[in-house]
């Protein structure tokens, strides 16, 4: 049974349009079956978008980009940001490319299982981890994020605090030597770790 974190989706793609509204930003994207949170913006991503730490001109990675919502939002708020959007799901990356074009947003897209095909380093990595894929998958994403951050770069991860978030937060602390809660809402928290060496 394929999941949204599977490489290939056997279901027929029947695209449809949804509207994303966060703060004062509104834009439309194309979605479809076989991708994460296909019918609306999920609560975790909404918390991440409202509370993320970002500066214009940074290089950022939308890791596990789904339909590209996070990357597009970042570019709309911080137009000088250099954004890379990656996902293991080929359909998700296909839709992301369409959505970048639809919103006149520039971004680099990569089909990659975690960091398998990602060579660059970033000032910020934004991650809503696939917790249903299991703890080991999420832990590896945290460990590999450390290697792909520039000095003082930030891993910004959103999760339900009482449904695995605490465990992921502890893992971030063990890998980075620091972690803090940046924002919370709807049971979710953003955990941020900084690469200090």
N, C-alpha and C. Protein backbone atom coordinates (compact mmCIF):
# COMPACT_ATOMS: atom_id res chain seq x y z
N UNK A 1 0.85 -1.20 0.00
CA UNK A 1 0.00 0.00 0.00
C UNK A 1 0.89 1.26 0.00
N UNK A 2 0.82 2.06 -1.06
CA UNK A 2 1.67 3.26 -1.10
C UNK A 2 1.19 4.35 -0.15
N UNK A 3 2.12 5.12 0.36
CA UNK A 3 1.82 6.26 1.21
C UNK A 3 2.29 7.53 0.50
N UNK A 4 1.99 8.67 1.09
CA UNK A 4 2.44 9.92 0.47
C UNK A 4 3.96 10.03 0.48
N UNK A 5 4.64 9.18 1.31
CA UNK A 5 6.10 9.20 1.33
C UNK A 5 6.68 8.05 0.49
N UNK A 6 5.84 7.43 -0.36
CA UNK A 6 6.33 6.43 -1.32
C UNK A 6 6.82 7.13 -2.58
N UNK A 7 7.78 6.52 -3.27
CA UNK A 7 8.35 7.16 -4.47
C UNK A 7 7.32 7.30 -5.57
N UNK A 8 6.54 6.25 -5.80
CA UNK A 8 5.59 6.26 -6.90
C UNK A 8 4.16 6.09 -6.39
N UNK A 9 3.24 6.73 -7.09
CA UNK A 9 1.83 6.67 -6.72
C UNK A 9 1.04 6.00 -7.85
N UNK A 10 0.41 4.84 -7.58
CA UNK A 10 -0.30 4.12 -8.64
C UNK A 10 -1.67 4.75 -8.98
N UNK A 11 -2.21 5.53 -8.06
CA UNK A 11 -3.54 6.10 -8.31
C UNK A 11 -3.48 7.11 -9.46
N UNK A 12 -4.59 7.24 -10.17
CA UNK A 12 -4.65 8.23 -11.25
C UNK A 12 -4.61 9.63 -10.64
N UNK A 13 -3.84 10.50 -11.26
CA UNK A 13 -3.78 11.88 -10.77
C UNK A 13 -4.97 12.66 -11.33
N UNK A 14 -5.87 13.03 -10.44
CA UNK A 14 -6.97 13.90 -10.85
C UNK A 14 -6.76 15.24 -10.18
N UNK A 15 -6.09 16.16 -10.86
CA UNK A 15 -5.72 17.42 -10.22
C UNK A 15 -6.91 18.31 -9.89
N UNK A 16 -6.79 19.03 -8.80
CA UNK A 16 -7.80 20.03 -8.43
C UNK A 16 -7.09 21.17 -7.72
N UNK A 17 -7.76 22.29 -7.63
CA UNK A 17 -7.15 23.50 -7.09
C UNK A 17 -7.62 23.74 -5.66
N UNK A 18 -6.69 24.12 -4.80
CA UNK A 18 -7.07 24.55 -3.44
C UNK A 18 -6.41 25.90 -3.15
N UNK A 19 -7.00 26.61 -2.20
CA UNK A 19 -6.48 27.92 -1.82
C UNK A 19 -5.79 27.82 -0.47
N UNK A 20 -4.62 28.40 -0.37
CA UNK A 20 -3.85 28.45 0.87
C UNK A 20 -3.96 29.86 1.44
N UNK A 21 -4.38 29.99 2.68
CA UNK A 21 -4.45 31.28 3.36
C UNK A 21 -3.67 31.21 4.67
N UNK A 22 -2.59 31.97 4.77
CA UNK A 22 -1.82 32.05 6.03
C UNK A 22 -1.46 33.51 6.27
N UNK A 23 -1.79 34.00 7.46
CA UNK A 23 -1.58 35.42 7.78
C UNK A 23 -2.25 36.25 6.68
N UNK A 24 -1.51 37.14 6.04
CA UNK A 24 -2.10 37.96 4.99
C UNK A 24 -1.74 37.48 3.60
N UNK A 25 -1.31 36.24 3.50
CA UNK A 25 -0.89 35.70 2.21
C UNK A 25 -1.89 34.65 1.73
N UNK A 26 -2.31 34.79 0.49
CA UNK A 26 -3.25 33.84 -0.10
C UNK A 26 -2.76 33.47 -1.50
N UNK A 27 -2.76 32.17 -1.78
CA UNK A 27 -2.39 31.74 -3.14
C UNK A 27 -3.04 30.39 -3.43
N UNK A 28 -3.12 30.06 -4.71
CA UNK A 28 -3.76 28.82 -5.15
C UNK A 28 -2.68 27.82 -5.59
N UNK A 29 -2.95 26.56 -5.31
CA UNK A 29 -2.05 25.50 -5.77
C UNK A 29 -2.87 24.36 -6.38
N UNK A 30 -2.19 23.56 -7.18
CA UNK A 30 -2.80 22.35 -7.75
C UNK A 30 -2.43 21.19 -6.85
N UNK A 31 -3.43 20.41 -6.45
CA UNK A 31 -3.21 19.24 -5.61
C UNK A 31 -3.81 18.02 -6.30
N UNK A 32 -3.73 16.88 -5.65
CA UNK A 32 -4.28 15.65 -6.22
C UNK A 32 -4.04 14.48 -5.28
N UNK A 33 -4.51 13.31 -5.68
CA UNK A 33 -4.35 12.12 -4.83
C UNK A 33 -2.88 11.73 -4.73
N UNK A 34 -2.55 11.03 -3.63
CA UNK A 34 -1.20 10.49 -3.48
C UNK A 34 -0.18 11.47 -2.94
N UNK A 35 -0.64 12.63 -2.43
CA UNK A 35 0.27 13.59 -1.81
C UNK A 35 -0.23 13.93 -0.41
N UNK A 36 0.67 14.48 0.40
CA UNK A 36 0.35 14.79 1.79
C UNK A 36 -0.67 15.91 1.88
N UNK A 37 -1.66 15.72 2.75
CA UNK A 37 -2.66 16.75 3.04
C UNK A 37 -3.20 17.38 1.76
N UNK A 38 -3.81 16.53 0.93
CA UNK A 38 -4.14 16.96 -0.44
C UNK A 38 -5.29 17.97 -0.52
N UNK A 39 -6.20 17.96 0.48
CA UNK A 39 -7.40 18.79 0.34
C UNK A 39 -7.32 20.15 1.01
N UNK A 40 -6.39 20.30 1.94
CA UNK A 40 -6.27 21.59 2.64
C UNK A 40 -4.92 21.67 3.33
N UNK A 41 -4.59 22.87 3.75
CA UNK A 41 -3.34 23.07 4.49
C UNK A 41 -3.46 22.38 5.86
N UNK A 42 -2.52 21.47 6.17
CA UNK A 42 -2.58 20.78 7.46
C UNK A 42 -2.13 21.71 8.59
N UNK A 43 -2.58 21.41 9.79
CA UNK A 43 -2.34 22.28 10.95
C UNK A 43 -0.85 22.43 11.26
N UNK A 44 -0.10 21.34 11.15
CA UNK A 44 1.33 21.40 11.46
C UNK A 44 2.06 22.36 10.54
N UNK A 45 1.77 22.27 9.24
CA UNK A 45 2.42 23.16 8.28
C UNK A 45 2.01 24.60 8.53
N UNK A 46 0.75 24.81 8.88
CA UNK A 46 0.28 26.17 9.18
C UNK A 46 1.04 26.77 10.36
N UNK A 47 1.24 25.97 11.41
CA UNK A 47 2.01 26.43 12.58
C UNK A 47 3.44 26.75 12.15
N UNK A 48 4.03 25.90 11.31
CA UNK A 48 5.40 26.11 10.84
C UNK A 48 5.51 27.42 10.05
N UNK A 49 4.55 27.68 9.17
CA UNK A 49 4.59 28.89 8.36
C UNK A 49 4.43 30.15 9.21
N UNK A 50 3.57 30.07 10.21
CA UNK A 50 3.33 31.25 11.05
C UNK A 50 4.48 31.54 12.00
N UNK A 51 5.23 30.50 12.39
CA UNK A 51 6.24 30.69 13.43
C UNK A 51 7.68 30.46 13.02
N UNK A 52 7.92 30.19 11.74
CA UNK A 52 9.29 29.88 11.30
C UNK A 52 10.21 31.09 11.46
N UNK A 53 11.51 30.80 11.57
CA UNK A 53 12.53 31.85 11.61
C UNK A 53 13.17 31.88 10.22
N UNK A 54 13.13 33.06 9.58
CA UNK A 54 13.68 33.17 8.23
C UNK A 54 14.12 34.61 8.00
N UNK A 55 15.15 34.76 7.19
CA UNK A 55 15.58 36.10 6.79
C UNK A 55 15.69 36.15 5.28
N UNK A 56 15.31 37.28 4.70
CA UNK A 56 15.39 37.44 3.25
C UNK A 56 16.83 37.30 2.79
N UNK A 57 17.01 36.50 1.76
CA UNK A 57 18.37 36.28 1.24
C UNK A 57 19.00 34.98 1.72
N UNK A 58 18.37 34.30 2.69
CA UNK A 58 18.87 33.01 3.13
C UNK A 58 18.69 31.97 2.03
N UNK A 59 19.41 30.87 2.15
CA UNK A 59 19.12 29.69 1.34
C UNK A 59 18.33 28.73 2.24
N UNK A 60 17.22 28.22 1.72
CA UNK A 60 16.33 27.38 2.54
C UNK A 60 15.94 26.12 1.78
N UNK A 61 15.74 25.06 2.53
CA UNK A 61 15.29 23.78 1.97
C UNK A 61 13.92 23.44 2.55
N UNK A 62 12.95 23.25 1.65
CA UNK A 62 11.65 22.72 2.02
C UNK A 62 11.76 21.22 1.85
N UNK A 63 12.07 20.52 2.95
CA UNK A 63 12.36 19.08 2.92
C UNK A 63 11.05 18.30 3.09
N UNK A 64 10.75 17.45 2.09
CA UNK A 64 9.45 16.78 2.08
C UNK A 64 8.38 17.78 1.68
N UNK A 65 8.57 18.37 0.50
CA UNK A 65 7.82 19.57 0.13
C UNK A 65 6.35 19.32 -0.20
N UNK A 66 5.96 18.05 -0.46
CA UNK A 66 4.56 17.83 -0.84
C UNK A 66 4.23 18.61 -2.10
N UNK A 67 3.21 19.45 -2.03
CA UNK A 67 2.81 20.24 -3.21
C UNK A 67 3.53 21.58 -3.31
N UNK A 68 4.47 21.83 -2.39
CA UNK A 68 5.30 23.02 -2.49
C UNK A 68 4.84 24.21 -1.69
N UNK A 69 3.87 24.00 -0.81
CA UNK A 69 3.25 25.12 -0.07
C UNK A 69 4.29 25.92 0.73
N UNK A 70 5.14 25.22 1.49
CA UNK A 70 6.10 25.91 2.36
C UNK A 70 7.06 26.76 1.54
N UNK A 71 7.64 26.17 0.51
CA UNK A 71 8.59 26.89 -0.32
C UNK A 71 7.98 28.10 -1.00
N UNK A 72 6.76 27.95 -1.51
CA UNK A 72 6.08 29.06 -2.19
C UNK A 72 5.78 30.17 -1.19
N UNK A 73 5.31 29.81 -0.01
CA UNK A 73 5.01 30.81 1.02
C UNK A 73 6.28 31.58 1.41
N UNK A 74 7.38 30.84 1.61
CA UNK A 74 8.65 31.49 1.97
C UNK A 74 9.04 32.52 0.91
N UNK A 75 8.93 32.14 -0.36
CA UNK A 75 9.33 33.04 -1.44
C UNK A 75 8.41 34.27 -1.53
N UNK A 76 7.15 34.09 -1.18
CA UNK A 76 6.22 35.22 -1.23
C UNK A 76 6.52 36.23 -0.11
N UNK A 77 6.94 35.72 1.04
CA UNK A 77 7.26 36.60 2.17
C UNK A 77 8.70 37.14 2.08
N UNK A 78 9.59 36.25 1.64
CA UNK A 78 11.02 36.60 1.55
C UNK A 78 11.49 36.36 0.12
N UNK A 79 11.23 37.31 -0.79
CA UNK A 79 11.46 37.07 -2.22
C UNK A 79 12.91 36.83 -2.61
N UNK A 80 13.87 37.25 -1.77
CA UNK A 80 15.29 37.04 -2.12
C UNK A 80 15.80 35.68 -1.65
N UNK A 81 14.96 34.94 -0.95
CA UNK A 81 15.37 33.62 -0.46
C UNK A 81 15.66 32.68 -1.63
N UNK A 82 16.70 31.89 -1.48
CA UNK A 82 17.05 30.87 -2.47
C UNK A 82 16.45 29.56 -1.98
N UNK A 83 15.34 29.12 -2.60
CA UNK A 83 14.59 27.98 -2.05
C UNK A 83 14.80 26.72 -2.88
N UNK A 84 15.03 25.61 -2.18
CA UNK A 84 15.08 24.28 -2.79
C UNK A 84 13.93 23.47 -2.21
N UNK A 85 13.21 22.75 -3.06
CA UNK A 85 12.07 21.95 -2.61
C UNK A 85 12.32 20.50 -3.01
N UNK A 86 12.28 19.60 -2.03
CA UNK A 86 12.57 18.20 -2.34
C UNK A 86 11.53 17.27 -1.71
N UNK A 87 11.33 16.14 -2.38
CA UNK A 87 10.43 15.11 -1.86
C UNK A 87 10.81 13.79 -2.49
N UNK A 88 10.57 12.70 -1.77
CA UNK A 88 10.79 11.37 -2.32
C UNK A 88 9.69 11.01 -3.32
N UNK A 89 8.52 11.62 -3.15
CA UNK A 89 7.32 11.33 -3.93
C UNK A 89 7.40 12.06 -5.28
N UNK A 90 7.53 11.29 -6.35
CA UNK A 90 7.69 11.88 -7.68
C UNK A 90 6.49 12.74 -8.07
N UNK A 91 5.30 12.31 -7.71
CA UNK A 91 4.09 13.08 -8.02
C UNK A 91 4.10 14.42 -7.27
N UNK A 92 4.54 14.39 -6.03
CA UNK A 92 4.60 15.63 -5.24
C UNK A 92 5.52 16.64 -5.92
N UNK A 93 6.68 16.18 -6.39
CA UNK A 93 7.62 17.10 -7.05
C UNK A 93 7.05 17.60 -8.37
N UNK A 94 6.34 16.74 -9.09
CA UNK A 94 5.68 17.15 -10.33
C UNK A 94 4.67 18.27 -10.05
N UNK A 95 3.87 18.11 -9.02
CA UNK A 95 2.89 19.14 -8.65
C UNK A 95 3.59 20.41 -8.14
N UNK A 96 4.67 20.23 -7.40
CA UNK A 96 5.43 21.38 -6.90
C UNK A 96 5.91 22.24 -8.07
N UNK A 97 6.46 21.60 -9.11
CA UNK A 97 6.92 22.35 -10.29
C UNK A 97 5.78 23.15 -10.90
N UNK A 98 4.62 22.52 -11.02
CA UNK A 98 3.45 23.22 -11.57
C UNK A 98 3.05 24.41 -10.69
N UNK A 99 3.13 24.19 -9.38
CA UNK A 99 2.70 25.24 -8.45
C UNK A 99 3.68 26.41 -8.39
N UNK A 100 4.97 26.12 -8.56
CA UNK A 100 5.95 27.20 -8.65
C UNK A 100 5.64 28.08 -9.87
N UNK A 101 5.38 27.41 -11.00
CA UNK A 101 5.04 28.15 -12.22
C UNK A 101 3.75 28.94 -12.06
N UNK A 102 2.75 28.29 -11.47
CA UNK A 102 1.44 28.91 -11.28
C UNK A 102 1.54 30.19 -10.46
N UNK A 103 2.48 30.20 -9.50
CA UNK A 103 2.62 31.35 -8.60
C UNK A 103 3.80 32.26 -8.96
N UNK A 104 4.38 32.02 -10.15
CA UNK A 104 5.52 32.83 -10.61
C UNK A 104 6.64 32.89 -9.56
N UNK A 105 6.94 31.71 -9.01
CA UNK A 105 7.96 31.60 -7.97
C UNK A 105 9.12 30.76 -8.50
N UNK A 106 10.33 31.24 -8.26
CA UNK A 106 11.52 30.49 -8.66
C UNK A 106 11.96 29.58 -7.53
N UNK A 107 12.25 28.34 -7.87
CA UNK A 107 12.74 27.39 -6.87
C UNK A 107 13.36 26.19 -7.56
N UNK A 108 14.28 25.56 -6.88
CA UNK A 108 14.94 24.35 -7.41
C UNK A 108 14.20 23.15 -6.84
N UNK A 109 13.80 22.22 -7.71
CA UNK A 109 13.09 21.01 -7.25
C UNK A 109 13.97 19.79 -7.43
N UNK A 110 13.90 18.89 -6.44
CA UNK A 110 14.71 17.66 -6.47
C UNK A 110 13.86 16.49 -5.99
N UNK A 111 13.87 15.40 -6.77
CA UNK A 111 13.29 14.14 -6.27
C UNK A 111 14.40 13.45 -5.49
N UNK A 112 14.20 13.31 -4.18
CA UNK A 112 15.27 12.76 -3.34
C UNK A 112 14.67 12.05 -2.13
N UNK A 113 15.21 10.87 -1.85
CA UNK A 113 14.84 10.13 -0.64
C UNK A 113 15.68 10.70 0.50
N UNK A 114 15.05 11.57 1.29
CA UNK A 114 15.81 12.30 2.30
C UNK A 114 16.84 13.18 1.62
N UNK A 115 18.10 13.06 2.03
CA UNK A 115 19.16 13.88 1.46
C UNK A 115 19.97 13.16 0.38
N UNK A 116 19.46 12.03 -0.09
CA UNK A 116 20.18 11.19 -1.05
C UNK A 116 20.74 11.98 -2.24
N UNK A 117 19.95 12.88 -2.82
CA UNK A 117 20.38 13.62 -4.03
C UNK A 117 20.68 15.09 -3.73
N UNK A 118 20.68 15.46 -2.47
CA UNK A 118 20.89 16.87 -2.09
C UNK A 118 22.34 17.08 -1.70
N UNK A 119 23.00 17.99 -2.40
CA UNK A 119 24.43 18.22 -2.16
C UNK A 119 24.69 19.56 -1.45
N UNK A 120 23.74 20.49 -1.53
CA UNK A 120 23.97 21.85 -1.02
C UNK A 120 23.86 21.93 0.50
N UNK A 121 24.32 23.06 1.02
CA UNK A 121 24.10 23.40 2.43
C UNK A 121 23.15 24.60 2.49
N UNK A 122 22.45 24.73 3.62
CA UNK A 122 21.39 25.71 3.73
C UNK A 122 21.48 26.50 5.04
N UNK A 123 20.90 27.70 5.02
CA UNK A 123 20.78 28.48 6.24
C UNK A 123 19.61 28.00 7.09
N UNK A 124 18.59 27.42 6.43
CA UNK A 124 17.44 26.90 7.15
C UNK A 124 16.88 25.68 6.43
N UNK A 125 16.54 24.67 7.21
CA UNK A 125 15.83 23.49 6.69
C UNK A 125 14.48 23.43 7.40
N UNK A 126 13.42 23.46 6.61
CA UNK A 126 12.05 23.44 7.15
C UNK A 126 11.48 22.04 6.96
N UNK A 127 10.99 21.44 8.05
CA UNK A 127 10.59 20.03 7.99
C UNK A 127 9.34 19.76 8.82
N UNK A 128 8.34 19.21 8.15
CA UNK A 128 7.18 18.61 8.81
C UNK A 128 7.36 17.11 8.59
N UNK A 129 8.01 16.40 9.52
CA UNK A 129 8.50 15.05 9.24
C UNK A 129 7.38 14.03 9.08
N UNK A 130 7.61 13.00 8.25
CA UNK A 130 6.60 11.96 8.04
C UNK A 130 6.59 10.97 9.21
N UNK A 131 5.97 11.36 10.31
CA UNK A 131 6.02 10.51 11.51
C UNK A 131 5.40 9.14 11.30
N UNK A 132 4.43 9.06 10.38
CA UNK A 132 3.83 7.74 10.10
C UNK A 132 4.83 6.79 9.43
N UNK A 133 5.92 7.35 8.89
CA UNK A 133 6.96 6.51 8.28
C UNK A 133 7.83 5.84 9.34
N UNK A 134 7.70 6.30 10.59
CA UNK A 134 8.45 5.69 11.68
C UNK A 134 9.55 6.58 12.22
N UNK A 135 9.92 6.28 13.45
CA UNK A 135 10.91 7.08 14.18
C UNK A 135 12.28 7.07 13.50
N UNK A 136 12.69 5.91 12.98
CA UNK A 136 14.02 5.79 12.36
C UNK A 136 14.17 6.73 11.17
N UNK A 137 13.11 6.83 10.37
CA UNK A 137 13.13 7.72 9.19
C UNK A 137 13.29 9.17 9.65
N UNK A 138 12.49 9.55 10.65
CA UNK A 138 12.54 10.93 11.16
C UNK A 138 13.90 11.23 11.81
N UNK A 139 14.44 10.28 12.56
CA UNK A 139 15.75 10.47 13.19
C UNK A 139 16.84 10.68 12.14
N UNK A 140 16.77 9.90 11.06
CA UNK A 140 17.79 10.03 9.99
C UNK A 140 17.70 11.41 9.34
N UNK A 141 16.49 11.91 9.15
CA UNK A 141 16.33 13.25 8.56
C UNK A 141 16.96 14.32 9.46
N UNK A 142 16.81 14.15 10.77
CA UNK A 142 17.41 15.09 11.72
C UNK A 142 18.93 15.00 11.67
N UNK A 143 19.47 13.78 11.68
CA UNK A 143 20.92 13.58 11.64
C UNK A 143 21.52 14.14 10.35
N UNK A 144 20.87 13.85 9.23
CA UNK A 144 21.39 14.30 7.93
C UNK A 144 21.23 15.81 7.76
N UNK A 145 20.23 16.39 8.39
CA UNK A 145 20.04 17.85 8.32
C UNK A 145 21.27 18.56 8.86
N UNK A 146 21.84 18.02 9.94
CA UNK A 146 23.03 18.64 10.55
C UNK A 146 24.15 18.80 9.51
N UNK A 147 24.32 17.77 8.68
CA UNK A 147 25.40 17.78 7.67
C UNK A 147 25.11 18.75 6.53
N UNK A 148 23.84 19.16 6.38
CA UNK A 148 23.46 20.01 5.24
C UNK A 148 23.10 21.43 5.68
N UNK A 149 23.52 21.80 6.87
CA UNK A 149 23.31 23.18 7.32
C UNK A 149 24.64 23.94 7.31
N UNK A 150 24.57 25.20 6.91
CA UNK A 150 25.73 26.09 7.01
C UNK A 150 25.97 26.38 8.49
N UNK A 151 27.14 26.95 8.82
CA UNK A 151 27.41 27.32 10.21
C UNK A 151 26.34 28.30 10.67
N UNK A 152 25.80 28.06 11.85
CA UNK A 152 24.69 28.83 12.45
C UNK A 152 23.35 28.59 11.76
N UNK A 153 23.31 27.61 10.85
CA UNK A 153 22.05 27.28 10.17
C UNK A 153 21.05 26.63 11.12
N UNK A 154 19.78 26.71 10.75
CA UNK A 154 18.69 26.26 11.62
C UNK A 154 17.92 25.09 11.00
N UNK A 155 17.70 24.05 11.82
CA UNK A 155 16.70 23.03 11.49
C UNK A 155 15.42 23.43 12.21
N UNK A 156 14.35 23.62 11.44
CA UNK A 156 13.06 24.01 12.01
C UNK A 156 12.06 22.91 11.71
N UNK A 157 11.69 22.19 12.76
CA UNK A 157 10.86 20.99 12.62
C UNK A 157 9.55 21.18 13.38
N UNK A 158 8.44 20.83 12.74
CA UNK A 158 7.14 20.94 13.41
C UNK A 158 6.57 19.55 13.65
N UNK A 159 6.00 19.33 14.83
CA UNK A 159 5.39 18.04 15.16
C UNK A 159 4.41 18.23 16.30
N UNK A 160 3.51 17.27 16.45
CA UNK A 160 2.61 17.28 17.61
C UNK A 160 3.42 16.94 18.85
N UNK A 161 3.40 17.82 19.82
CA UNK A 161 4.28 17.67 20.99
C UNK A 161 4.01 16.36 21.72
N UNK A 162 2.75 16.00 21.89
CA UNK A 162 2.40 14.80 22.66
C UNK A 162 2.25 13.55 21.79
N UNK A 163 2.54 13.68 20.49
CA UNK A 163 2.47 12.52 19.60
C UNK A 163 3.78 12.38 18.84
N UNK A 164 4.86 12.27 19.58
CA UNK A 164 6.16 12.04 18.97
C UNK A 164 7.06 13.25 18.94
N UNK A 165 6.48 14.44 19.11
CA UNK A 165 7.27 15.66 19.05
C UNK A 165 8.35 15.74 20.11
N UNK A 166 8.00 15.32 21.32
CA UNK A 166 8.98 15.35 22.42
C UNK A 166 10.19 14.48 22.11
N UNK A 167 9.93 13.32 21.53
CA UNK A 167 11.01 12.39 21.16
C UNK A 167 11.90 13.00 20.08
N UNK A 168 11.27 13.64 19.09
CA UNK A 168 12.04 14.27 18.01
C UNK A 168 12.85 15.45 18.55
N UNK A 169 12.27 16.19 19.49
CA UNK A 169 12.96 17.32 20.12
C UNK A 169 14.22 16.84 20.86
N UNK A 170 14.10 15.72 21.57
CA UNK A 170 15.25 15.17 22.29
C UNK A 170 16.34 14.72 21.32
N UNK A 171 15.90 14.14 20.21
CA UNK A 171 16.87 13.70 19.18
C UNK A 171 17.60 14.92 18.61
N UNK A 172 16.88 15.99 18.33
CA UNK A 172 17.50 17.22 17.82
C UNK A 172 18.53 17.75 18.81
N UNK A 173 18.18 17.71 20.08
CA UNK A 173 19.11 18.18 21.12
C UNK A 173 20.38 17.33 21.16
N UNK A 174 20.22 16.01 20.99
CA UNK A 174 21.38 15.13 21.04
C UNK A 174 22.28 15.31 19.81
N UNK A 175 21.70 15.64 18.66
CA UNK A 175 22.47 15.82 17.43
C UNK A 175 23.12 17.21 17.39
N UNK A 176 22.38 18.23 17.76
CA UNK A 176 22.84 19.62 17.62
C UNK A 176 23.43 20.20 18.91
N UNK A 177 23.08 19.59 20.06
CA UNK A 177 23.53 20.13 21.33
C UNK A 177 22.66 21.27 21.83
N UNK A 178 21.56 21.53 21.12
CA UNK A 178 20.61 22.57 21.53
C UNK A 178 19.28 22.38 20.82
N UNK A 179 18.22 22.81 21.48
CA UNK A 179 16.89 22.83 20.85
C UNK A 179 16.02 23.78 21.65
N UNK A 180 15.15 24.49 20.96
CA UNK A 180 14.20 25.35 21.67
C UNK A 180 12.84 25.29 20.99
N UNK A 181 11.80 25.54 21.76
CA UNK A 181 10.45 25.64 21.21
C UNK A 181 10.27 27.07 20.70
N UNK A 182 9.92 27.20 19.41
CA UNK A 182 9.80 28.54 18.82
C UNK A 182 8.36 29.03 18.79
N UNK A 183 7.43 28.13 18.57
CA UNK A 183 6.02 28.53 18.49
C UNK A 183 5.17 27.29 18.70
N UNK A 184 3.93 27.51 19.04
CA UNK A 184 3.02 26.38 19.22
C UNK A 184 1.61 26.77 18.82
N UNK A 185 0.82 25.75 18.53
CA UNK A 185 -0.57 25.96 18.17
C UNK A 185 -1.19 24.65 17.73
N UNK A 186 -2.47 24.45 18.08
CA UNK A 186 -3.22 23.25 17.69
C UNK A 186 -2.52 21.96 18.11
N UNK A 187 -1.79 22.00 19.23
CA UNK A 187 -1.09 20.81 19.72
C UNK A 187 0.28 20.61 19.09
N UNK A 188 0.62 21.46 18.11
CA UNK A 188 1.92 21.36 17.43
C UNK A 188 2.91 22.35 18.02
N UNK A 189 4.19 22.01 17.88
CA UNK A 189 5.26 22.93 18.24
C UNK A 189 6.32 22.94 17.15
N UNK A 190 6.96 24.11 17.02
CA UNK A 190 8.14 24.18 16.16
C UNK A 190 9.36 24.04 17.06
N UNK A 191 10.19 23.06 16.75
CA UNK A 191 11.44 22.88 17.48
C UNK A 191 12.56 23.38 16.57
N UNK A 192 13.43 24.21 17.12
CA UNK A 192 14.54 24.75 16.33
C UNK A 192 15.87 24.41 16.97
N UNK A 193 16.76 23.85 16.16
CA UNK A 193 18.15 23.59 16.58
C UNK A 193 19.08 24.36 15.66
N UNK A 194 20.17 24.87 16.24
CA UNK A 194 21.14 25.64 15.46
C UNK A 194 22.46 24.88 15.37
N UNK A 195 23.04 24.86 14.17
CA UNK A 195 24.34 24.23 13.98
C UNK A 195 25.42 25.23 14.40
N UNK A 196 26.05 24.99 15.51
CA UNK A 196 26.98 25.97 16.07
C UNK A 196 28.44 25.67 15.78
N UNK A 197 28.72 24.50 15.19
CA UNK A 197 30.12 24.21 14.86
C UNK A 197 30.22 23.43 13.57
